[in-house]
N, C-alpha and C. Protein backbone atom coordinates (compact mmCIF):
# COMPACT_ATOMS: atom_id res chain seq x y z
N MET A 1 13.33 -5.94 -0.32
CA MET A 1 13.85 -4.56 -0.29
C MET A 1 12.58 -3.70 -0.84
N LEU A 2 12.16 -2.72 -0.32
CA LEU A 2 11.11 -1.87 -0.79
C LEU A 2 11.97 -0.69 -1.67
N THR A 3 11.05 -0.37 -2.73
CA THR A 3 11.54 0.79 -3.60
C THR A 3 11.12 2.05 -2.85
N ASP A 4 11.45 3.22 -3.33
CA ASP A 4 10.96 4.44 -2.81
C ASP A 4 9.52 4.60 -2.89
N GLN A 5 8.94 4.37 -4.18
CA GLN A 5 7.48 4.38 -4.38
C GLN A 5 6.86 3.45 -3.48
N GLN A 6 7.28 2.08 -3.15
CA GLN A 6 6.61 1.34 -2.26
C GLN A 6 6.47 1.87 -0.71
N LYS A 7 7.67 2.47 -0.43
CA LYS A 7 7.66 2.85 0.92
C LYS A 7 6.74 4.12 1.04
N LYS A 8 6.67 4.99 -0.04
CA LYS A 8 5.77 6.01 -0.01
C LYS A 8 4.32 5.41 0.01
N LEU A 9 3.89 4.50 -0.61
CA LEU A 9 2.73 3.94 -0.51
C LEU A 9 2.23 3.27 0.71
N LEU A 10 3.31 2.70 1.37
CA LEU A 10 3.10 1.86 2.63
C LEU A 10 2.88 2.98 3.71
N GLN A 11 3.71 4.23 3.56
CA GLN A 11 3.43 5.21 4.53
C GLN A 11 1.98 6.00 4.53
N ALA A 12 1.48 6.07 3.12
CA ALA A 12 0.40 6.54 2.94
C ALA A 12 -0.75 5.87 3.38
N LEU A 13 -0.70 4.48 3.20
CA LEU A 13 -1.69 3.40 3.57
C LEU A 13 -1.71 3.40 5.14
N ASN A 14 -0.63 3.42 5.79
CA ASN A 14 -0.58 3.46 7.39
C ASN A 14 -1.18 4.73 7.77
N SER A 15 -0.95 5.77 7.17
CA SER A 15 -1.34 7.18 7.67
C SER A 15 -2.80 7.26 7.44
N LEU A 16 -3.37 6.58 6.60
CA LEU A 16 -5.03 6.58 6.50
C LEU A 16 -5.57 5.88 7.57
N GLY A 17 -4.91 4.99 8.18
CA GLY A 17 -5.36 4.14 9.29
C GLY A 17 -6.58 3.30 9.17
N LYS A 18 -7.02 3.14 7.87
CA LYS A 18 -8.07 2.08 7.63
C LYS A 18 -7.63 1.45 6.07
N PRO A 19 -8.25 0.44 5.76
CA PRO A 19 -8.20 -0.13 4.57
C PRO A 19 -8.57 0.83 3.48
N ALA A 20 -7.73 0.94 2.35
CA ALA A 20 -8.04 1.91 1.47
C ALA A 20 -7.94 1.32 -0.03
N GLY A 21 -8.67 1.85 -0.99
CA GLY A 21 -8.55 1.41 -2.27
C GLY A 21 -7.51 2.14 -3.24
N GLY A 22 -7.43 1.67 -4.46
CA GLY A 22 -6.36 2.27 -5.28
C GLY A 22 -6.46 3.76 -5.40
N LYS A 23 -7.81 4.18 -5.64
CA LYS A 23 -7.93 5.71 -5.88
C LYS A 23 -7.64 6.52 -4.79
N GLU A 24 -8.05 6.01 -3.50
CA GLU A 24 -7.57 6.74 -2.28
C GLU A 24 -6.24 6.69 -2.14
N LEU A 25 -5.49 5.62 -2.23
CA LEU A 25 -4.13 5.40 -2.20
C LEU A 25 -3.44 6.38 -3.14
N SER A 26 -3.91 6.37 -4.41
CA SER A 26 -3.28 7.34 -5.42
C SER A 26 -3.35 8.81 -4.93
N ALA A 27 -4.47 9.24 -4.38
CA ALA A 27 -4.55 10.57 -3.93
C ALA A 27 -3.76 10.97 -2.69
N ALA A 28 -3.75 9.89 -1.86
CA ALA A 28 -2.87 10.02 -0.52
C ALA A 28 -1.40 10.18 -0.81
N SER A 29 -0.95 9.41 -1.86
CA SER A 29 0.61 9.18 -2.05
C SER A 29 1.04 10.30 -3.26
N GLY A 30 0.11 10.50 -4.11
CA GLY A 30 0.44 11.33 -5.28
C GLY A 30 1.03 10.48 -6.51
N ILE A 31 0.91 9.19 -6.39
CA ILE A 31 1.28 8.14 -7.38
C ILE A 31 0.15 7.80 -8.10
N ASP A 32 0.47 7.74 -9.56
CA ASP A 32 -0.51 7.39 -10.53
C ASP A 32 -1.14 5.97 -10.03
N GLU A 33 -2.59 6.02 -10.39
CA GLU A 33 -3.38 4.89 -10.09
C GLU A 33 -2.83 3.43 -10.63
N LYS A 34 -2.31 3.42 -11.76
CA LYS A 34 -1.93 2.25 -12.39
C LYS A 34 -0.58 1.67 -11.85
N THR A 35 0.26 2.64 -11.29
CA THR A 35 1.40 2.40 -10.68
C THR A 35 1.23 1.88 -9.16
N VAL A 36 0.25 2.48 -8.63
CA VAL A 36 -0.23 2.08 -7.32
C VAL A 36 -0.78 0.49 -7.52
N ALA A 37 -1.38 0.27 -8.29
CA ALA A 37 -1.90 -1.16 -8.59
C ALA A 37 -0.82 -2.21 -8.66
N LYS A 38 0.23 -1.77 -9.62
CA LYS A 38 1.29 -2.55 -9.78
C LYS A 38 2.09 -2.81 -8.46
N GLU A 39 2.52 -1.81 -7.88
CA GLU A 39 3.35 -1.72 -6.65
C GLU A 39 2.54 -2.47 -5.51
N ILE A 40 1.19 -2.32 -5.45
CA ILE A 40 0.60 -2.96 -4.30
C ILE A 40 0.47 -4.56 -4.47
N GLY A 41 0.49 -4.89 -5.79
CA GLY A 41 0.60 -6.32 -6.09
C GLY A 41 1.80 -6.87 -5.61
N LYS A 42 2.86 -6.17 -5.87
CA LYS A 42 4.31 -6.74 -5.55
C LYS A 42 4.46 -6.76 -4.05
N MET A 43 3.99 -5.84 -3.25
CA MET A 43 4.03 -5.77 -1.90
C MET A 43 3.08 -6.81 -1.16
N LYS A 44 2.06 -7.12 -1.83
CA LYS A 44 1.25 -8.30 -1.33
C LYS A 44 1.94 -9.63 -1.47
N THR A 45 2.80 -9.75 -2.54
CA THR A 45 3.57 -11.09 -2.62
C THR A 45 4.55 -11.07 -1.57
N GLN A 46 5.13 -9.85 -1.18
CA GLN A 46 6.17 -9.90 -0.28
C GLN A 46 5.61 -9.88 1.39
N GLY A 47 4.32 -9.72 1.39
CA GLY A 47 3.62 -9.92 2.73
C GLY A 47 3.52 -8.61 3.40
N PHE A 48 3.66 -7.49 2.71
CA PHE A 48 3.76 -6.14 3.58
C PHE A 48 2.40 -5.55 3.54
N VAL A 49 1.45 -6.12 2.45
CA VAL A 49 0.10 -5.50 2.27
C VAL A 49 -0.81 -6.71 2.22
N ASP A 50 -1.96 -6.62 2.77
CA ASP A 50 -3.02 -7.49 2.63
C ASP A 50 -4.26 -6.89 2.03
N THR A 51 -5.26 -7.81 1.87
CA THR A 51 -6.58 -7.33 1.47
C THR A 51 -7.69 -7.72 2.46
N PRO A 52 -7.84 -6.92 3.65
CA PRO A 52 -8.64 -7.33 4.58
C PRO A 52 -10.17 -7.07 4.03
N ILE A 53 -10.51 -6.21 3.15
CA ILE A 53 -11.83 -6.12 2.68
C ILE A 53 -11.60 -6.11 1.18
N ARG A 54 -12.62 -6.69 0.20
CA ARG A 54 -12.56 -6.79 -1.07
C ARG A 54 -12.15 -5.44 -1.69
N CYS A 55 -11.23 -5.42 -2.58
CA CYS A 55 -10.67 -4.15 -3.34
C CYS A 55 -10.00 -3.05 -2.46
N LYS A 56 -9.74 -3.44 -1.09
CA LYS A 56 -9.11 -2.58 -0.11
C LYS A 56 -7.81 -2.97 0.32
N TYR A 57 -6.91 -2.21 0.64
CA TYR A 57 -5.62 -2.79 1.04
C TYR A 57 -5.37 -2.34 2.48
N GLY A 58 -4.56 -2.96 3.28
CA GLY A 58 -4.26 -2.81 4.62
C GLY A 58 -2.76 -3.11 4.64
N VAL A 59 -1.94 -2.48 5.77
CA VAL A 59 -0.69 -2.74 6.06
C VAL A 59 -0.71 -4.01 7.04
N THR A 60 0.16 -4.99 6.66
CA THR A 60 0.45 -6.09 7.65
C THR A 60 1.41 -5.71 8.75
N ALA A 61 1.37 -6.51 9.69
CA ALA A 61 2.65 -6.42 10.79
C ALA A 61 3.89 -6.30 10.26
N GLU A 62 4.02 -7.09 9.25
CA GLU A 62 5.36 -7.18 8.53
C GLU A 62 5.66 -5.83 7.84
N GLY A 63 4.68 -5.33 7.18
CA GLY A 63 4.78 -3.96 6.51
C GLY A 63 4.98 -2.79 7.51
N LYS A 64 4.41 -3.01 8.62
CA LYS A 64 4.63 -1.91 9.80
C LYS A 64 6.10 -1.89 10.21
N LYS A 65 6.74 -3.12 10.14
CA LYS A 65 8.19 -3.18 10.50
C LYS A 65 9.08 -2.34 9.40
N GLN A 66 8.59 -2.28 8.34
CA GLN A 66 9.40 -1.58 7.15
C GLN A 66 9.16 -0.06 7.24
N LEU A 67 8.25 0.54 8.05
CA LEU A 67 8.02 1.83 8.08
C LEU A 67 9.07 2.60 8.97
């Protein structure tokens, strides 16, 4: 189950349309960068986010189902 912050991050990441780093995600979502890093880590373990490029995050197919 995703929290409201995680949903907001997933939506922001999806709307960017390309892999994005923490700073970019923080700016797009309005969520503090440290919180972004923590929540992205949780979503990676759940399989909703992956790391297609070093230090950049992308939405997985499983993550898109959550949107």
